[in-house]
Amino acid sequence: MTLRRRIDAPRDNGVRRPLPRRGETRNFHSEPIPFPNTPARDGPPSPSTYPVALPNMPHSNLARFFVQNFGCRATQADGAALESLLAAQGFEPAAERATADLVVLNTCTVTAAADEDARHAIRRAHRENPYAQILVTGCYAQRAPRELAAMPGVSWVVGNSHKTEIANLVSINNANEPYHGNIHVGDIFAQHSFLSAPVEDAAGDRTRPNLKIQDGCNNRCSFCIIPFVRGRSRSAPASQVVEQVRNLSRRYREIVLSGINLGRWGREPGSSERLVDLIGRLLAETEVPRLRLSSVEPMDFSDALLELMASSPRIAKHVHAPLQSGCDRTLRRMHRKYRPRHYAGRVLKARELMPDAAIGADVMVGFPGETEADFEESRGFIASLPFTYLHVFTYSERPGTPAAHHADAVPIPVRKARNRVLRELADAKNREFRGRMVGRTLSAVTLHEGGGALSENYLRIELTRSHHVNDIVDLQIGSLTGAGLRELPQ
């Protein structure tokens, strides 16, 4: 149901905003979007859509825009798509946020810290540029639109459900300043469209463009809010991916394939293609020098996929498989779809096929009910596997997720201490792996940023010789740096 009501003119920092003109209809979301207390069938009940009916007028004072992205690779790719869509409507990119007429903040909500980062950016954007109109979109906007709409300076809150409509929404702009806090949020599980960017338009100053080929997630991990803000798993069409990679490969030497749950590409009903098939097509139908996979769930690293990665010199030897915990009891309570022995089988198979590959994982500490014995089991499991790096996260309660309702929360100091233990373990494993590379020759792509390079097996290399930027080169490794490697000097 759509809520329609007359609302007195709001005040933003004491400034009275104009009411809608006669004949206009503006609909508002009056309550936070509900989320289930348990991993329900398909997530939250369908919230209504809250459009704003404005006169068909061309945009006037929103000539320049600035998009700021927060969070994962998928969010970065969404931001690239938004930049392209806005440019197609005649808007021009601003060099910095402070000079933009329209500031688009593309948010993340995976942790409480991510939410705070977004709120801080809103406050700062409004303070440094009070005349700019602020549009907040992304995962936080989908989860808590009313919370964001109440913040001073926010003109629009647009959930992921309506992200593809942003360029049109801001193009239909009143001669007066828009009413404060327009909300456009709908049922994310009804979303079937795929926001796909011509990534090169927004990534011209980068060396390794990120191409999102999958969105959404059908899993229901008890700690994760992402399915309820991203929706069901959906894939970019294979022909579209092939064409995008073909175009990007004319300009870039390495392309990173990403998604919210990348290994689920092609798993929609009626589809027979899988990720390994798509990669085979990309190798056969494009001239991309190097592909790199971002994060893939462990059980989606099939033997066929690992064997293709090992056999092709055009696929980076880099396996990133989220673990979350090495404790069987904790994995069950997280509602993860594997057990430690299954995970170990995939990692050891990858190491057998690719002896020098980078192998990384996401690991969480402080999940509700994680005892000292649980943590030690997880730590021991991680220590036993040939990881070369870890992304260690401290558990953060997310409203609406089942885990947030557990009464046995781990104290914050204990969470932080466990985080330090795993980070120290990760540092030791990474240092040992880097040490093995000294004296070797590694294939790497030279980067724009900082004049360095990134090896096929995901190690930063400090260059001591002159190399062309955006090229794949063989580098002799002379020594270690604080966090990477150094090329052997001439």
Protein backbone atom coordinates (compact mmCIF):
# COMPACT_ATOMS: atom_id res chain seq x y z
CA MET A 1 0.00 0.00 0.00
CA THR A 2 1.23 3.47 -0.82
CA LEU A 3 0.90 6.04 1.93
CA ARG A 4 -0.41 9.44 0.86
CA ARG A 5 -0.75 12.28 3.29
CA ARG A 6 -0.47 16.04 3.48
CA ILE A 7 2.63 17.07 5.36
CA ASP A 8 3.49 20.48 6.71
CA ALA A 9 6.49 22.10 5.14
CA PRO A 10 9.55 20.55 6.79
CA ARG A 11 12.51 22.41 8.12
CA ASP A 12 16.10 21.58 7.33
CA ASN A 13 18.51 23.37 9.69
CA GLY A 14 15.81 25.96 10.23
CA VAL A 15 15.23 26.58 6.51
CA ARG A 16 11.65 26.07 5.45
CA ARG A 17 11.29 23.80 2.39
CA PRO A 18 8.54 24.47 -0.16
CA LEU A 19 5.38 22.39 -0.08
CA PRO A 20 4.29 20.52 -3.22
CA ARG A 21 2.51 22.69 -5.74
CA ARG A 22 -1.18 22.20 -6.39
CA GLY A 23 -1.78 19.00 -8.33
CA GLU A 24 1.46 17.34 -7.25
CA THR A 25 1.47 14.05 -5.37
CA ARG A 26 4.35 13.03 -3.17
CA ASN A 27 4.28 9.74 -1.36
CA PHE A 28 6.28 9.03 1.75
CA HIS A 29 7.42 5.98 3.59
CA SER A 30 6.26 6.49 7.17
CA GLU A 31 7.82 3.43 8.82
CA PRO A 32 11.15 1.61 8.50
CA ILE A 33 11.10 -1.27 6.03
CA PRO A 34 10.47 -4.45 8.03
CA PHE A 35 12.95 -7.30 7.97
CA PRO A 36 12.33 -10.84 9.14
CA ASN A 37 13.44 -12.13 12.50
CA THR A 38 14.20 -15.48 10.90
CA PRO A 39 15.57 -16.49 7.49
CA ALA A 40 12.14 -16.46 5.91
CA ARG A 41 11.18 -17.88 2.56
CA ASP A 42 12.11 -14.88 0.43
CA GLY A 43 13.00 -12.16 2.92
CA PRO A 44 10.95 -9.20 4.05
CA PRO A 45 7.37 -8.49 3.17
CA SER A 46 7.04 -6.42 0.03
CA PRO A 47 7.22 -2.73 0.95
CA SER A 48 5.41 -0.25 -1.21
CA THR A 49 7.02 1.95 -3.80
CA TYR A 50 7.18 5.65 -3.03
CA PRO A 51 7.40 7.62 -6.27
CA VAL A 52 7.29 11.37 -6.57
CA ALA A 53 4.98 12.72 -9.28
CA LEU A 54 6.55 15.89 -10.61
CA PRO A 55 5.74 17.98 -13.68
CA ASN A 56 7.54 16.97 -16.85
CA MET A 57 10.18 19.67 -16.71
CA PRO A 58 13.78 19.52 -17.85
CA HIS A 59 16.51 19.57 -15.24
CA SER A 60 17.70 23.06 -14.47
CA ASN A 61 20.30 23.57 -11.78
CA LEU A 62 21.72 20.04 -11.53
CA ALA A 63 24.34 20.43 -14.26
CA ARG A 64 27.27 18.80 -12.44
CA PHE A 65 27.22 15.55 -10.47
CA PHE A 66 29.60 13.65 -8.24
CA VAL A 67 29.20 9.96 -7.35
CA GLN A 68 30.88 8.65 -4.21
CA ASN A 69 30.88 4.89 -3.65
CA PHE A 70 31.21 2.95 -0.42
CA GLY A 71 31.87 -0.75 0.06
CA CYS A 72 32.33 -3.71 -2.23
CA ARG A 73 33.28 -4.12 -5.88
CA ALA A 74 29.61 -4.50 -6.82
CA THR A 75 28.86 -1.08 -5.36
CA GLN A 76 31.79 0.40 -7.27
CA ALA A 77 30.39 -1.11 -10.48
CA ASP A 78 26.93 0.26 -9.70
CA GLY A 79 28.49 3.70 -9.28
CA ALA A 80 30.15 3.41 -12.67
CA ALA A 81 26.77 2.60 -14.19
CA LEU A 82 25.17 5.59 -12.47
CA GLU A 83 27.85 7.89 -13.85
CA SER A 84 27.15 6.63 -17.35
CA LEU A 85 23.38 6.99 -16.95
CA LEU A 86 23.69 10.54 -15.62
CA ALA A 87 26.09 11.51 -18.41
CA ALA A 88 23.65 10.14 -20.96
CA GLN A 89 21.00 12.53 -19.57
CA GLY A 90 23.28 15.50 -20.18
CA PHE A 91 24.80 15.90 -16.72
CA GLU A 92 28.51 16.59 -16.41
CA PRO A 93 30.83 15.00 -13.84
CA ALA A 94 32.30 17.34 -11.23
CA ALA A 95 35.94 17.00 -10.29
CA GLU A 96 35.13 16.90 -6.59
CA ARG A 97 32.16 16.67 -4.28
CA ALA A 98 32.39 20.28 -3.11
CA THR A 99 31.79 21.66 -6.63
CA ALA A 100 28.87 19.40 -7.60
CA ASP A 101 25.24 20.44 -7.94
CA LEU A 102 24.14 16.86 -7.33
CA VAL A 103 25.99 14.57 -4.91
CA VAL A 104 25.15 10.87 -5.20
CA LEU A 105 26.26 8.76 -2.22
CA ASN A 106 26.16 5.07 -3.13
CA THR A 107 26.15 3.36 0.25
CA CYS A 108 27.06 0.08 1.90
CA THR A 109 25.34 -1.42 4.97
CA VAL A 110 27.30 -4.61 5.62
CA THR A 111 28.44 -3.34 9.05
CA ALA A 112 27.53 -0.63 11.53
CA ALA A 113 30.79 1.09 10.62
CA ALA A 114 29.68 1.22 6.98
CA ASP A 115 26.45 2.93 8.05
CA GLU A 116 28.38 5.46 10.09
CA ASP A 117 30.72 6.18 7.17
CA ALA A 118 27.69 6.99 5.01
CA ARG A 119 26.10 9.27 7.63
CA HIS A 120 29.41 11.07 8.09
CA ALA A 121 29.68 11.59 4.32
CA ILE A 122 26.14 13.01 4.19
CA ARG A 123 26.87 15.48 6.98
CA ARG A 124 30.16 16.51 5.44
CA ALA A 125 28.73 16.88 1.94
CA HIS A 126 25.94 19.09 3.26
CA ARG A 127 28.37 21.16 5.32
CA GLU A 128 30.92 21.73 2.55
CA ASN A 129 28.33 22.32 -0.18
CA PRO A 130 24.97 23.34 1.37
CA TYR A 131 23.44 24.25 -2.00
CA ALA A 132 24.06 20.81 -3.51
CA GLN A 133 21.22 18.33 -3.66
CA ILE A 134 22.15 15.03 -2.05
CA LEU A 135 20.83 11.71 -3.31
CA VAL A 136 21.52 8.67 -1.14
CA THR A 137 21.26 5.26 -2.79
CA GLY A 138 22.65 1.75 -2.39
CA CYS A 139 22.27 -0.88 0.29
CA TYR A 140 21.84 1.43 3.31
CA ALA A 141 19.17 3.35 1.40
CA GLN A 142 17.32 0.11 0.70
CA ARG A 143 17.53 -1.02 4.34
CA ALA A 144 16.71 2.19 6.23
CA PRO A 145 15.36 4.88 3.86
CA ARG A 146 13.43 6.85 6.46
CA GLU A 147 16.49 7.13 8.69
CA LEU A 148 18.49 8.65 5.86
CA ALA A 149 15.68 10.86 4.57
CA ALA A 150 15.52 12.56 7.96
CA MET A 151 19.11 13.79 7.70
CA PRO A 152 19.62 17.48 6.83
CA GLY A 153 20.44 18.10 3.19
CA VAL A 154 19.12 14.82 1.81
CA SER A 155 16.86 15.47 -1.19
CA TRP A 156 16.32 11.88 -2.36
CA VAL A 157 16.71 8.40 -0.90
CA VAL A 158 16.64 5.79 -3.67
CA GLY A 159 16.91 2.10 -2.82
CA ASN A 160 18.58 -0.54 -4.95
CA SER A 161 15.08 -1.40 -6.12
CA HIS A 162 14.95 1.92 -8.00
CA LYS A 163 18.62 2.56 -8.70
CA THR A 164 18.19 2.20 -12.46
CA GLU A 165 15.71 5.12 -12.39
CA ILE A 166 18.00 7.65 -10.71
CA ALA A 167 18.99 9.52 -13.87
CA ASN A 168 15.34 9.99 -14.79
CA LEU A 169 14.35 11.01 -11.27
CA VAL A 170 16.87 13.81 -11.06
CA SER A 171 16.18 14.92 -14.64
CA ILE A 172 12.56 15.68 -13.75
CA ASN A 173 13.51 18.49 -11.42
CA ASN A 174 11.33 21.31 -10.12
CA ALA A 175 12.23 24.90 -10.76
CA ASN A 176 12.15 25.12 -6.97
CA GLU A 177 14.43 23.03 -4.77
CA PRO A 178 13.00 19.51 -4.38
CA TYR A 179 11.04 18.62 -1.30
CA HIS A 180 13.36 17.30 1.40
CA GLY A 181 13.53 13.52 1.80
CA ASN A 182 11.83 12.04 -1.29
CA ILE A 183 11.91 8.26 -0.84
CA HIS A 184 11.93 5.76 -3.71
CA VAL A 185 12.13 2.24 -2.30
CA GLY A 186 10.29 -0.89 -3.39
CA ASP A 187 10.37 -4.67 -3.05
CA ILE A 188 13.93 -5.68 -3.85
CA PHE A 189 12.82 -9.28 -4.43
CA ALA A 190 10.72 -8.11 -7.36
CA GLN A 191 13.85 -6.69 -8.99
CA HIS A 192 14.87 -8.51 -12.16
CA SER A 193 16.80 -5.79 -13.96
CA PHE A 194 20.59 -5.82 -13.93
CA LEU A 195 22.41 -2.52 -13.52
CA SER A 196 25.34 -2.91 -15.87
CA ALA A 197 27.93 -0.27 -16.57
CA PRO A 198 30.13 0.37 -19.56
CA VAL A 199 32.89 0.23 -16.98
CA GLU A 200 35.47 1.93 -19.15
CA ASP A 201 33.49 5.18 -19.02
CA ALA A 202 34.03 5.48 -15.29
CA ALA A 203 37.33 3.68 -15.01
CA GLY A 204 39.48 5.41 -17.57
CA ASP A 205 42.11 6.28 -14.99
CA ARG A 206 42.43 2.73 -13.67
CA THR A 207 44.51 -0.20 -14.84
CA ARG A 208 42.33 -3.10 -13.68
CA PRO A 209 38.65 -2.34 -14.37
CA ASN A 210 36.04 -4.17 -12.35
CA LEU A 211 33.16 -5.69 -14.32
CA LYS A 212 30.13 -6.79 -12.30
CA ILE A 213 28.49 -9.78 -13.98
CA GLN A 214 26.20 -10.99 -11.17
CA ASP A 215 24.06 -9.34 -8.48
CA GLY A 216 22.00 -10.48 -5.51
CA CYS A 217 22.18 -13.61 -3.36
CA ASN A 218 19.83 -16.50 -2.63
CA ASN A 219 21.69 -17.63 0.49
CA ARG A 220 20.38 -16.80 3.96
CA CYS A 221 23.46 -16.57 6.17
CA SER A 222 22.20 -15.65 9.63
CA PHE A 223 24.54 -12.66 10.00
CA CYS A 224 24.08 -11.11 6.56
CA ILE A 225 21.72 -8.34 5.47
CA ILE A 226 22.83 -8.38 1.83
CA PRO A 227 20.07 -10.60 0.34
CA PHE A 228 17.48 -8.19 1.76
CA VAL A 229 19.07 -5.13 0.17
CA ARG A 230 20.36 -6.70 -3.07
CA GLY A 231 17.56 -9.16 -3.86
CA ARG A 232 17.66 -12.51 -5.62
CA SER A 233 20.65 -13.73 -7.58
CA ARG A 234 20.59 -12.56 -11.19
CA SER A 235 23.17 -12.63 -13.94
CA ALA A 236 24.27 -10.39 -16.76
CA PRO A 237 23.58 -12.09 -20.12
CA ALA A 238 26.58 -13.99 -21.45
CA SER A 239 26.54 -12.13 -24.76
CA GLN A 240 26.63 -8.81 -22.91
CA VAL A 241 29.57 -9.92 -20.76
CA VAL A 242 31.47 -11.11 -23.82
CA GLU A 243 30.92 -7.79 -25.58
CA GLN A 244 31.93 -5.75 -22.50
CA VAL A 245 35.11 -7.78 -22.00
CA ARG A 246 35.90 -7.51 -25.71
CA ASN A 247 35.62 -3.73 -25.52
CA LEU A 248 37.56 -3.44 -22.27
CA SER A 249 40.35 -5.67 -23.53
CA ARG A 250 41.18 -3.10 -26.19
CA ARG A 251 42.27 -0.73 -23.42
CA TYR A 252 43.22 -2.86 -20.41
CA ARG A 253 45.52 -5.78 -19.76
CA GLU A 254 43.63 -7.21 -16.78
CA ILE A 255 39.88 -7.30 -16.08
CA VAL A 256 38.38 -8.31 -12.74
CA LEU A 257 35.06 -10.19 -12.84
CA SER A 258 32.94 -9.53 -9.76
CA GLY A 259 29.52 -10.04 -8.25
CA ILE A 260 27.69 -10.28 -4.96
CA ASN A 261 27.77 -14.08 -5.28
CA LEU A 262 29.89 -14.51 -8.39
CA GLY A 263 29.91 -18.31 -8.42
CA ARG A 264 26.14 -18.29 -8.91
CA TRP A 265 26.41 -16.67 -12.35
CA GLY A 266 24.07 -18.44 -14.77
CA ARG A 267 22.14 -20.34 -12.10
CA GLU A 268 18.75 -18.83 -12.90
CA PRO A 269 15.97 -21.29 -13.79
CA GLY A 270 16.20 -22.34 -17.41
CA SER A 271 19.89 -21.53 -17.77
CA SER A 272 22.40 -24.29 -18.45
CA GLU A 273 25.54 -22.14 -18.57
CA ARG A 274 27.76 -21.88 -15.53
CA LEU A 275 30.61 -19.55 -14.58
CA VAL A 276 33.22 -21.94 -15.97
CA ASP A 277 31.37 -21.93 -19.31
CA LEU A 278 31.28 -18.13 -19.40
CA ILE A 279 35.00 -17.89 -18.69
CA GLY A 280 35.66 -20.40 -21.46
CA ARG A 281 33.70 -18.20 -23.85
CA LEU A 282 35.61 -15.09 -22.77
CA LEU A 283 38.92 -16.85 -23.45
CA ALA A 284 37.70 -18.10 -26.83
CA GLU A 285 35.82 -15.03 -28.08
CA THR A 286 37.89 -12.14 -26.76
CA GLU A 287 41.56 -11.23 -26.66
CA VAL A 288 41.61 -10.25 -22.99
CA PRO A 289 45.19 -10.82 -21.78
CA ARG A 290 44.21 -11.61 -18.18
CA LEU A 291 41.03 -12.29 -16.26
CA ARG A 292 40.87 -12.29 -12.49
CA LEU A 293 37.99 -13.64 -10.42
CA SER A 294 37.04 -11.74 -7.30
CA SER A 295 35.31 -13.63 -4.48
CA VAL A 296 33.69 -17.04 -5.20
CA GLU A 297 31.91 -19.17 -2.59
CA PRO A 298 34.05 -22.24 -1.78
CA MET A 299 31.68 -24.89 -3.12
CA ASP A 300 31.37 -22.99 -6.41
CA PHE A 301 35.08 -23.60 -7.03
CA SER A 302 34.30 -26.78 -8.92
CA ASP A 303 37.06 -29.06 -10.18
CA ALA A 304 36.28 -27.85 -13.69
CA LEU A 305 36.71 -24.19 -12.71
CA LEU A 306 39.93 -24.81 -10.78
CA GLU A 307 41.36 -26.87 -13.64
CA LEU A 308 40.55 -24.13 -16.15
CA MET A 309 42.21 -21.54 -13.90
CA ALA A 310 45.29 -23.72 -13.55
CA SER A 311 45.60 -24.52 -17.26
CA SER A 312 45.07 -21.07 -18.77
CA PRO A 313 47.90 -18.51 -18.69
CA ARG A 314 45.21 -15.84 -19.20
CA ILE A 315 43.51 -16.41 -15.82
CA ALA A 316 45.19 -15.01 -12.72
CA LYS A 317 46.26 -17.67 -10.23
CA HIS A 318 44.18 -16.20 -7.45
CA VAL A 319 41.52 -17.98 -5.39
CA HIS A 320 39.43 -16.00 -2.90
CA ALA A 321 36.90 -18.20 -1.08
CA PRO A 322 34.97 -16.75 1.89
CA LEU A 323 35.35 -18.95 4.97
CA GLN A 324 33.75 -16.92 7.83
CA SER A 325 34.71 -19.53 10.45
CA GLY A 326 36.77 -22.70 10.70
CA CYS A 327 34.57 -24.00 13.52
CA ASP A 328 31.91 -26.53 12.54
CA ARG A 329 29.44 -25.44 15.21
CA THR A 330 29.77 -21.78 14.24
CA LEU A 331 29.32 -22.51 10.53
CA ARG A 332 26.09 -24.36 11.30
CA ARG A 333 24.78 -21.46 13.35
CA MET A 334 25.77 -19.06 10.57
CA HIS A 335 23.69 -21.17 8.14
CA ARG A 336 26.69 -21.60 5.86
CA LYS A 337 26.33 -24.37 3.25
CA TYR A 338 29.57 -26.25 3.91
CA ARG A 339 31.61 -27.65 6.78
CA PRO A 340 35.34 -27.18 7.44
CA ARG A 341 36.22 -30.46 5.71
CA HIS A 342 34.41 -29.37 2.54
CA TYR A 343 36.16 -26.02 2.54
CA ALA A 344 39.57 -27.59 3.12
CA GLY A 345 39.00 -29.94 0.17
CA ARG A 346 38.49 -26.99 -2.21
CA VAL A 347 41.50 -25.03 -0.92
CA LEU A 348 43.84 -28.01 -1.01
CA LYS A 349 42.68 -28.86 -4.54
CA ALA A 350 43.47 -25.28 -5.60
CA ARG A 351 46.93 -25.49 -4.05
CA GLU A 352 47.59 -28.84 -5.71
CA LEU A 353 46.72 -27.45 -9.14
CA MET A 354 48.32 -24.02 -8.62
CA PRO A 355 51.31 -24.28 -6.25
CA ASP A 356 52.07 -20.54 -6.33
CA ALA A 357 48.52 -19.19 -6.36
CA ALA A 358 47.24 -16.55 -4.00
CA ILE A 359 44.64 -18.12 -1.71
CA GLY A 360 42.59 -15.76 0.44
CA ALA A 361 39.51 -15.84 2.62
CA ASP A 362 37.07 -13.65 4.53
CA VAL A 363 37.00 -14.63 8.21
CA MET A 364 34.69 -13.36 10.94
CA VAL A 365 35.39 -13.23 14.67
CA GLY A 366 32.98 -12.61 17.54
CA PHE A 367 29.88 -14.23 16.03
CA PRO A 368 27.21 -14.49 18.77
CA GLY A 369 27.84 -17.51 20.96
CA GLU A 370 31.42 -18.01 19.72
CA THR A 371 33.18 -19.53 22.72
CA GLU A 372 36.91 -19.54 23.33
CA ALA A 373 36.96 -23.18 22.22
CA ASP A 374 35.06 -22.28 19.02
CA PHE A 375 37.52 -19.53 18.23
CA GLU A 376 40.51 -21.77 18.90
CA GLU A 377 39.03 -24.42 16.59
CA SER A 378 38.65 -21.79 13.89
CA ARG A 379 42.15 -20.42 14.42
CA GLY A 380 43.68 -23.88 14.26
CA PHE A 381 41.80 -24.70 11.05
CA ILE A 382 42.97 -21.48 9.43
CA ALA A 383 46.54 -22.12 10.53
CA SER A 384 46.44 -25.56 8.89
CA LEU A 385 45.55 -24.29 5.41
CA PRO A 386 47.85 -22.63 2.83
CA PHE A 387 46.30 -19.17 2.94
CA THR A 388 48.41 -16.33 1.61
CA TYR A 389 46.22 -13.54 3.00
CA LEU A 390 43.05 -13.06 5.06
CA HIS A 391 40.38 -10.37 5.31
CA VAL A 392 39.50 -10.46 9.00
CA PHE A 393 36.19 -8.91 10.08
CA THR A 394 34.75 -8.33 13.52
CA TYR A 395 31.10 -9.36 13.75
CA SER A 396 28.71 -6.42 13.55
CA GLU A 397 25.02 -6.75 14.42
CA ARG A 398 22.78 -5.98 11.46
CA PRO A 399 19.15 -5.10 12.29
CA GLY A 400 16.71 -7.65 10.93
CA THR A 401 19.15 -10.56 10.67
CA PRO A 402 18.61 -13.68 12.82
CA ALA A 403 22.06 -13.43 14.41
CA ALA A 404 21.30 -9.94 15.74
CA HIS A 405 18.68 -11.44 18.05
CA HIS A 406 21.03 -13.86 19.79
CA ALA A 407 21.32 -13.10 23.47
CA ASP A 408 24.87 -14.50 23.86
CA ALA A 409 26.78 -11.60 22.28
CA VAL A 410 30.55 -11.73 22.47
CA PRO A 411 31.94 -8.71 24.38
CA ILE A 412 33.51 -6.08 22.12
CA PRO A 413 36.99 -6.30 23.77
CA VAL A 414 36.98 -10.07 23.18
CA ARG A 415 36.01 -9.56 19.53
CA LYS A 416 38.87 -7.09 19.06
CA ALA A 417 41.38 -9.41 20.72
CA ARG A 418 40.37 -12.31 18.46
CA ASN A 419 40.63 -10.05 15.45
CA ARG A 420 44.22 -9.21 16.39
CA VAL A 421 45.11 -12.88 16.75
CA LEU A 422 43.90 -13.71 13.25
CA ARG A 423 45.50 -10.63 11.73
CA GLU A 424 48.84 -11.65 13.21
CA LEU A 425 48.37 -15.15 11.80
CA ALA A 426 47.49 -13.68 8.39
CA ASP A 427 50.57 -11.45 8.46
CA ALA A 428 52.82 -14.41 9.19
CA LYS A 429 51.32 -16.48 6.39
CA ASN A 430 51.60 -13.61 3.94
CA ARG A 431 55.20 -12.90 4.89
CA GLU A 432 56.11 -16.57 4.41
CA PHE A 433 54.42 -16.62 0.99
CA ARG A 434 56.17 -13.45 -0.13
CA GLY A 435 59.49 -14.83 1.03
CA ARG A 436 59.05 -17.80 -1.29
CA MET A 437 58.78 -15.41 -4.24
CA VAL A 438 62.19 -13.76 -3.74
CA GLY A 439 64.51 -14.79 -6.54
CA ARG A 440 61.58 -15.81 -8.75
CA THR A 441 60.19 -14.18 -11.90
CA LEU A 442 56.54 -13.16 -11.60
CA SER A 443 54.07 -12.05 -14.25
CA ALA A 444 52.46 -8.74 -13.21
CA VAL A 445 50.33 -5.91 -14.55
CA THR A 446 51.88 -2.45 -14.18
CA LEU A 447 49.57 0.01 -12.44
CA HIS A 448 48.75 3.67 -12.78
CA GLU A 449 48.59 4.10 -9.02
CA GLY A 450 51.95 4.71 -7.42
CA GLY A 451 54.03 3.31 -10.23
CA GLY A 452 53.90 -0.26 -8.90
CA ALA A 453 52.65 -3.57 -10.25
CA LEU A 454 50.34 -6.38 -9.15
CA SER A 455 51.48 -9.92 -9.68
CA GLU A 456 49.33 -12.68 -11.10
CA ASN A 457 49.27 -14.17 -7.59
CA TYR A 458 48.09 -10.94 -5.98
CA LEU A 459 51.29 -9.42 -4.59
CA ARG A 460 52.19 -5.74 -4.80
CA ILE A 461 55.56 -5.16 -6.42
CA GLU A 462 57.63 -2.02 -6.06
CA LEU A 463 59.30 -1.27 -9.39
CA THR A 464 62.95 -0.30 -9.65
CA ARG A 465 63.07 -0.02 -13.43
CA SER A 466 61.07 1.90 -16.00
CA HIS A 467 58.05 0.05 -17.39
CA HIS A 468 55.10 1.07 -19.52
CA VAL A 469 51.92 1.54 -17.50
CA ASN A 470 49.02 -0.86 -18.10
CA ASP A 471 51.15 -3.69 -19.42
CA ILE A 472 51.81 -7.29 -18.41
CA VAL A 473 55.50 -7.81 -17.72
CA ASP A 474 57.77 -10.44 -16.21
CA LEU A 475 59.51 -9.07 -13.12
CA GLN A 476 62.48 -10.53 -11.28
CA ILE A 477 61.91 -10.28 -7.53
CA GLY A 478 64.85 -9.04 -5.51
CA SER A 479 63.56 -8.55 -1.97
CA LEU A 480 60.64 -8.01 0.37
CA THR A 481 59.06 -4.69 1.26
CA GLY A 482 56.91 -4.04 4.31
CA ALA A 483 53.79 -5.45 2.68
CA GLY A 484 54.90 -6.62 -0.76
CA LEU A 485 57.87 -7.30 -3.00
CA ARG A 486 60.57 -5.25 -4.72
CA GLU A 487 61.79 -5.76 -8.25
CA LEU A 488 65.46 -6.73 -8.58
CA PRO A 489 67.40 -3.53 -9.46
CA GLN A 490 69.48 -3.41 -12.62
